Amino acid sequence: MPESPGVDNRIAVVRPSGRMMDPFDTSRIHKPVKKHIDKGNPWVVIDLGNVEWMNSKGIGMLISCLTSCRDADGLMVVARPSKKVKSLLMISQVIRLFDSYGSVREAKRALLEMKTAGTG
């Protein structure tokens, strides 16, 4: 189950782990994101640091989370993708859809700046 360690400056962090390969895995990510959105927190960092691998289902889940955040006037970014995951995001060109950061701290800082500036 992905850890969702709470909200800081109304920016949520969701930490999936393992493989994101099937609907069961991916629904466990989208549910906490939707929960944060429903609580009024549509600014989300997905920390991919503990994700070993993903396939098209995992990519689709990221796009779905991004869409849900944008629909709620927020934004989603990713942090700490492994080299394997980042290469998959680059090859599929999904990396163009959302910003990627080397750390959760950087991602939260960037989202806070975007939120304050009213962009997203």
N, C-alpha and C. Protein backbone atom coordinates (compact mmCIF):
# COMPACT_ATOMS: atom_id res chain seq x y z
N MET A 1 0.84 -1.18 0.00
CA MET A 1 0.00 0.00 0.00
C MET A 1 0.89 1.24 0.00
N PRO A 2 0.58 2.22 -0.80
CA PRO A 2 1.41 3.41 -0.82
C PRO A 2 1.25 4.21 0.45
N GLU A 3 2.36 4.70 0.91
CA GLU A 3 2.33 5.57 2.08
C GLU A 3 1.89 6.95 1.63
N SER A 4 1.04 7.55 2.40
CA SER A 4 0.60 8.92 2.14
C SER A 4 0.88 9.70 3.41
N PRO A 5 2.10 10.23 3.55
CA PRO A 5 2.54 10.76 4.84
C PRO A 5 1.95 12.09 5.27
N GLY A 6 0.90 12.51 4.62
CA GLY A 6 0.25 13.71 5.09
C GLY A 6 0.43 14.88 4.15
N VAL A 7 0.07 16.03 4.65
CA VAL A 7 0.02 17.23 3.83
C VAL A 7 0.84 18.31 4.51
N ASP A 8 1.70 18.96 3.74
CA ASP A 8 2.52 20.05 4.23
C ASP A 8 2.30 21.23 3.29
N ASN A 9 1.84 22.36 3.82
CA ASN A 9 1.48 23.50 2.97
C ASN A 9 0.44 23.11 1.93
N ARG A 10 -0.45 22.21 2.33
CA ARG A 10 -1.49 21.70 1.44
C ARG A 10 -0.92 21.03 0.19
N ILE A 11 0.26 20.46 0.32
CA ILE A 11 0.87 19.66 -0.74
C ILE A 11 1.01 18.25 -0.19
N ALA A 12 0.34 17.31 -0.84
CA ALA A 12 0.34 15.92 -0.39
C ALA A 12 1.48 15.16 -1.05
N VAL A 13 1.97 14.14 -0.35
CA VAL A 13 3.00 13.25 -0.90
C VAL A 13 2.45 11.83 -0.83
N VAL A 14 2.48 11.14 -1.97
CA VAL A 14 2.06 9.75 -2.05
C VAL A 14 3.28 8.94 -2.46
N ARG A 15 3.57 7.87 -1.72
CA ARG A 15 4.78 7.08 -1.94
C ARG A 15 4.45 5.63 -2.30
N PRO A 16 4.25 5.36 -3.58
CA PRO A 16 4.04 3.96 -3.97
C PRO A 16 5.36 3.19 -3.87
N SER A 17 5.27 1.89 -3.85
CA SER A 17 6.47 1.06 -3.83
C SER A 17 6.24 -0.20 -4.63
N GLY A 18 7.34 -0.85 -4.99
CA GLY A 18 7.26 -2.10 -5.73
C GLY A 18 7.06 -1.88 -7.21
N ARG A 19 6.18 -2.69 -7.79
CA ARG A 19 5.91 -2.61 -9.22
C ARG A 19 4.51 -2.05 -9.45
N MET A 20 4.39 -1.25 -10.48
CA MET A 20 3.08 -0.73 -10.87
C MET A 20 2.74 -1.34 -12.22
N MET A 21 2.14 -2.53 -12.14
CA MET A 21 1.97 -3.34 -13.34
C MET A 21 0.53 -3.75 -13.64
N ASP A 22 -0.35 -3.66 -12.69
CA ASP A 22 -1.71 -4.13 -12.95
C ASP A 22 -2.72 -3.19 -12.29
N PRO A 23 -3.99 -3.35 -12.61
CA PRO A 23 -5.01 -2.44 -12.07
C PRO A 23 -5.03 -2.39 -10.55
N PHE A 24 -4.75 -3.50 -9.88
CA PHE A 24 -4.73 -3.50 -8.42
C PHE A 24 -3.63 -2.57 -7.90
N ASP A 25 -2.42 -2.68 -8.47
CA ASP A 25 -1.30 -1.83 -8.06
C ASP A 25 -1.62 -0.35 -8.30
N THR A 26 -2.12 -0.06 -9.47
CA THR A 26 -2.32 1.33 -9.84
C THR A 26 -3.50 1.96 -9.10
N SER A 27 -4.53 1.18 -8.79
CA SER A 27 -5.66 1.76 -8.05
C SER A 27 -5.23 2.14 -6.64
N ARG A 28 -4.23 1.45 -6.10
CA ARG A 28 -3.73 1.78 -4.77
C ARG A 28 -2.99 3.12 -4.77
N ILE A 29 -2.62 3.63 -5.92
CA ILE A 29 -1.98 4.94 -6.01
C ILE A 29 -3.04 6.01 -6.23
N HIS A 30 -3.95 5.75 -7.14
CA HIS A 30 -4.94 6.78 -7.49
C HIS A 30 -5.89 7.05 -6.32
N LYS A 31 -6.21 6.04 -5.54
CA LYS A 31 -7.14 6.24 -4.42
C LYS A 31 -6.62 7.27 -3.40
N PRO A 32 -5.35 7.18 -2.96
CA PRO A 32 -4.88 8.21 -2.02
C PRO A 32 -4.81 9.60 -2.65
N VAL A 33 -4.50 9.67 -3.94
CA VAL A 33 -4.48 10.96 -4.62
C VAL A 33 -5.89 11.55 -4.61
N LYS A 34 -6.87 10.74 -4.98
CA LYS A 34 -8.25 11.21 -4.98
C LYS A 34 -8.70 11.61 -3.57
N LYS A 35 -8.25 10.88 -2.57
CA LYS A 35 -8.60 11.20 -1.19
C LYS A 35 -8.07 12.59 -0.83
N HIS A 36 -6.84 12.88 -1.19
CA HIS A 36 -6.27 14.21 -0.93
C HIS A 36 -7.05 15.29 -1.68
N ILE A 37 -7.39 15.01 -2.93
CA ILE A 37 -8.16 15.97 -3.72
C ILE A 37 -9.52 16.23 -3.07
N ASP A 38 -10.17 15.16 -2.64
CA ASP A 38 -11.49 15.29 -2.00
C ASP A 38 -11.42 16.11 -0.71
N LYS A 39 -10.26 16.11 -0.07
CA LYS A 39 -10.06 16.90 1.15
C LYS A 39 -9.61 18.33 0.83
N GLY A 40 -9.56 18.67 -0.46
CA GLY A 40 -9.18 20.02 -0.85
C GLY A 40 -7.69 20.21 -1.08
N ASN A 41 -6.97 19.13 -1.30
CA ASN A 41 -5.52 19.19 -1.50
C ASN A 41 -5.14 18.62 -2.87
N PRO A 42 -5.38 19.37 -3.96
CA PRO A 42 -5.08 18.84 -5.29
C PRO A 42 -3.64 19.06 -5.75
N TRP A 43 -2.75 19.42 -4.83
CA TRP A 43 -1.33 19.62 -5.14
C TRP A 43 -0.59 18.41 -4.59
N VAL A 44 -0.09 17.54 -5.49
CA VAL A 44 0.40 16.22 -5.08
C VAL A 44 1.77 15.92 -5.68
N VAL A 45 2.64 15.38 -4.83
CA VAL A 45 3.93 14.83 -5.26
C VAL A 45 3.80 13.32 -5.21
N ILE A 46 4.11 12.66 -6.32
CA ILE A 46 4.19 11.20 -6.33
C ILE A 46 5.68 10.85 -6.22
N ASP A 47 6.06 10.28 -5.08
CA ASP A 47 7.46 9.92 -4.83
C ASP A 47 7.69 8.51 -5.39
N LEU A 48 8.38 8.44 -6.52
CA LEU A 48 8.61 7.16 -7.21
C LEU A 48 9.90 6.48 -6.77
N GLY A 49 10.52 6.96 -5.70
CA GLY A 49 11.80 6.43 -5.26
C GLY A 49 11.81 4.95 -4.93
N ASN A 50 10.69 4.40 -4.53
CA ASN A 50 10.62 2.98 -4.17
C ASN A 50 9.87 2.14 -5.21
N VAL A 51 9.66 2.72 -6.40
CA VAL A 51 8.99 1.97 -7.47
C VAL A 51 10.07 1.29 -8.31
N GLU A 52 10.01 -0.02 -8.35
CA GLU A 52 11.01 -0.81 -9.09
C GLU A 52 10.81 -0.72 -10.60
N TRP A 53 9.55 -0.80 -11.00
CA TRP A 53 9.25 -0.83 -12.44
C TRP A 53 7.78 -0.54 -12.64
N MET A 54 7.44 -0.10 -13.84
CA MET A 54 6.04 0.08 -14.20
C MET A 54 5.87 -0.23 -15.67
N ASN A 55 4.65 -0.51 -16.04
CA ASN A 55 4.33 -0.73 -17.45
C ASN A 55 3.31 0.32 -17.86
N SER A 56 2.59 0.06 -18.94
CA SER A 56 1.62 1.03 -19.44
C SER A 56 0.51 1.31 -18.43
N LYS A 57 0.19 0.35 -17.59
CA LYS A 57 -0.83 0.57 -16.55
C LYS A 57 -0.34 1.61 -15.55
N GLY A 58 0.93 1.53 -15.17
CA GLY A 58 1.50 2.51 -14.26
C GLY A 58 1.57 3.89 -14.88
N ILE A 59 1.95 3.94 -16.14
CA ILE A 59 1.98 5.22 -16.86
C ILE A 59 0.58 5.81 -16.92
N GLY A 60 -0.40 4.97 -17.24
CA GLY A 60 -1.78 5.43 -17.30
C GLY A 60 -2.26 5.96 -15.96
N MET A 61 -1.84 5.33 -14.88
CA MET A 61 -2.21 5.77 -13.55
C MET A 61 -1.63 7.15 -13.27
N LEU A 62 -0.38 7.40 -13.65
CA LEU A 62 0.22 8.72 -13.45
C LEU A 62 -0.55 9.79 -14.21
N ILE A 63 -0.92 9.48 -15.44
CA ILE A 63 -1.68 10.43 -16.25
C ILE A 63 -3.05 10.67 -15.62
N SER A 64 -3.68 9.63 -15.11
CA SER A 64 -4.98 9.76 -14.47
C SER A 64 -4.88 10.63 -13.21
N CYS A 65 -3.83 10.44 -12.42
CA CYS A 65 -3.63 11.26 -11.22
C CYS A 65 -3.40 12.72 -11.61
N LEU A 66 -2.59 12.94 -12.63
CA LEU A 66 -2.35 14.30 -13.11
C LEU A 66 -3.65 14.97 -13.54
N THR A 67 -4.45 14.25 -14.31
CA THR A 67 -5.73 14.78 -14.78
C THR A 67 -6.65 15.10 -13.62
N SER A 68 -6.71 14.22 -12.64
CA SER A 68 -7.56 14.46 -11.46
C SER A 68 -7.11 15.72 -10.72
N CYS A 69 -5.80 15.88 -10.56
CA CYS A 69 -5.29 17.08 -9.87
C CYS A 69 -5.59 18.33 -10.67
N ARG A 70 -5.37 18.29 -11.97
CA ARG A 70 -5.64 19.47 -12.80
C ARG A 70 -7.13 19.82 -12.80
N ASP A 71 -7.98 18.80 -12.85
CA ASP A 71 -9.42 19.04 -12.84
C ASP A 71 -9.87 19.73 -11.55
N ALA A 72 -9.09 19.55 -10.48
CA ALA A 72 -9.40 20.16 -9.19
C ALA A 72 -8.59 21.45 -8.98
N ASP A 73 -8.06 22.00 -10.09
CA ASP A 73 -7.26 23.23 -10.05
C ASP A 73 -5.97 23.08 -9.26
N GLY A 74 -5.38 21.91 -9.32
CA GLY A 74 -4.10 21.66 -8.68
C GLY A 74 -3.11 21.15 -9.70
N LEU A 75 -2.11 20.42 -9.23
CA LEU A 75 -1.08 19.89 -10.11
C LEU A 75 -0.40 18.71 -9.43
N MET A 76 0.10 17.79 -10.22
CA MET A 76 0.86 16.66 -9.73
C MET A 76 2.23 16.68 -10.37
N VAL A 77 3.26 16.37 -9.58
CA VAL A 77 4.60 16.20 -10.09
C VAL A 77 5.14 14.88 -9.55
N VAL A 78 6.24 14.41 -10.14
CA VAL A 78 6.87 13.19 -9.63
C VAL A 78 8.24 13.54 -9.07
N ALA A 79 8.68 12.71 -8.14
CA ALA A 79 9.99 12.89 -7.52
C ALA A 79 10.70 11.55 -7.45
N ARG A 80 12.00 11.60 -7.53
CA ARG A 80 12.90 10.47 -7.33
C ARG A 80 12.63 9.24 -8.21
N PRO A 81 12.30 9.40 -9.48
CA PRO A 81 12.15 8.19 -10.30
C PRO A 81 13.51 7.52 -10.48
N SER A 82 13.53 6.20 -10.42
CA SER A 82 14.77 5.47 -10.66
C SER A 82 15.18 5.67 -12.12
N LYS A 83 16.41 5.29 -12.43
CA LYS A 83 16.87 5.42 -13.83
C LYS A 83 15.98 4.62 -14.77
N LYS A 84 15.59 3.41 -14.35
CA LYS A 84 14.73 2.57 -15.19
C LYS A 84 13.38 3.22 -15.42
N VAL A 85 12.77 3.71 -14.36
CA VAL A 85 11.45 4.32 -14.48
C VAL A 85 11.54 5.62 -15.29
N LYS A 86 12.57 6.42 -15.01
CA LYS A 86 12.72 7.68 -15.75
C LYS A 86 12.93 7.40 -17.24
N SER A 87 13.71 6.37 -17.58
CA SER A 87 13.92 6.06 -19.00
C SER A 87 12.61 5.63 -19.66
N LEU A 88 11.78 4.89 -18.94
CA LEU A 88 10.47 4.50 -19.48
C LEU A 88 9.60 5.73 -19.71
N LEU A 89 9.60 6.66 -18.76
CA LEU A 89 8.82 7.88 -18.90
C LEU A 89 9.33 8.73 -20.08
N MET A 90 10.64 8.71 -20.29
CA MET A 90 11.21 9.46 -21.41
C MET A 90 10.90 8.81 -22.75
N ILE A 91 11.06 7.50 -22.83
CA ILE A 91 10.80 6.77 -24.07
C ILE A 91 9.34 6.92 -24.48
N SER A 92 8.45 6.84 -23.51
CA SER A 92 7.02 6.96 -23.80
C SER A 92 6.59 8.42 -23.98
N GLN A 93 7.50 9.33 -23.72
CA GLN A 93 7.29 10.78 -23.81
C GLN A 93 6.27 11.29 -22.81
N VAL A 94 5.94 10.50 -21.82
CA VAL A 94 5.02 10.92 -20.77
C VAL A 94 5.69 11.97 -19.88
N ILE A 95 7.00 11.97 -19.84
CA ILE A 95 7.74 12.92 -19.01
C ILE A 95 7.42 14.37 -19.40
N ARG A 96 6.92 14.57 -20.61
CA ARG A 96 6.54 15.91 -21.06
C ARG A 96 5.28 16.43 -20.35
N LEU A 97 4.51 15.53 -19.78
CA LEU A 97 3.24 15.91 -19.17
C LEU A 97 3.38 16.49 -17.77
N PHE A 98 4.42 16.09 -17.06
CA PHE A 98 4.58 16.57 -15.70
C PHE A 98 6.05 16.76 -15.38
N ASP A 99 6.31 17.62 -14.41
CA ASP A 99 7.68 17.88 -13.99
C ASP A 99 8.18 16.75 -13.12
N SER A 100 9.49 16.53 -13.20
CA SER A 100 10.14 15.49 -12.42
C SER A 100 11.28 16.12 -11.63
N TYR A 101 11.41 15.74 -10.37
CA TYR A 101 12.42 16.31 -9.48
C TYR A 101 13.25 15.21 -8.84
N GLY A 102 14.46 15.58 -8.46
CA GLY A 102 15.39 14.62 -7.86
C GLY A 102 15.08 14.28 -6.42
N SER A 103 14.31 15.14 -5.75
CA SER A 103 13.95 14.87 -4.36
C SER A 103 12.52 15.35 -4.10
N VAL A 104 11.93 14.82 -3.05
CA VAL A 104 10.59 15.23 -2.65
C VAL A 104 10.63 16.68 -2.19
N ARG A 105 11.69 17.06 -1.52
CA ARG A 105 11.83 18.43 -1.05
C ARG A 105 11.80 19.43 -2.21
N GLU A 106 12.56 19.13 -3.27
CA GLU A 106 12.56 19.99 -4.46
C GLU A 106 11.17 20.05 -5.09
N ALA A 107 10.53 18.90 -5.17
CA ALA A 107 9.19 18.83 -5.79
C ALA A 107 8.19 19.65 -4.99
N LYS A 108 8.23 19.53 -3.67
CA LYS A 108 7.31 20.29 -2.83
C LYS A 108 7.58 21.79 -2.94
N ARG A 109 8.85 22.15 -2.98
CA ARG A 109 9.20 23.57 -3.10
C ARG A 109 8.67 24.13 -4.43
N ALA A 110 8.87 23.37 -5.52
CA ALA A 110 8.40 23.82 -6.83
C ALA A 110 6.88 23.93 -6.87
N LEU A 111 6.19 22.94 -6.32
CA LEU A 111 4.72 22.99 -6.29
C LEU A 111 4.22 24.17 -5.46
N LEU A 112 4.89 24.43 -4.33
CA LEU A 112 4.48 25.56 -3.50
C LEU A 112 4.65 26.87 -4.26
N GLU A 113 5.74 27.00 -5.01
CA GLU A 113 5.96 28.20 -5.83
C GLU A 113 4.88 28.34 -6.89
N MET A 114 4.57 27.23 -7.57
CA MET A 114 3.53 27.25 -8.60
C MET A 114 2.17 27.59 -7.99
N LYS A 115 1.89 27.00 -6.83
CA LYS A 115 0.62 27.24 -6.15
C LYS A 115 0.50 28.71 -5.76
N THR A 116 1.57 29.25 -5.20
CA THR A 116 1.59 30.66 -4.78
C THR A 116 1.44 31.59 -5.97
N ALA A 117 2.07 31.21 -7.09
CA ALA A 117 2.00 32.03 -8.30
C ALA A 117 0.67 31.86 -9.04
N GLY A 118 -0.10 30.86 -8.63
CA GLY A 118 -1.39 30.62 -9.28
C GLY A 118 -1.26 29.92 -10.62
N THR A 119 -0.16 29.19 -10.82
CA THR A 119 0.02 28.43 -12.07
C THR A 119 -0.24 26.97 -11.78
N GLY A 120 -0.39 26.21 -12.87
CA GLY A 120 -0.58 24.79 -12.67
C GLY A 120 -1.42 24.17 -13.72
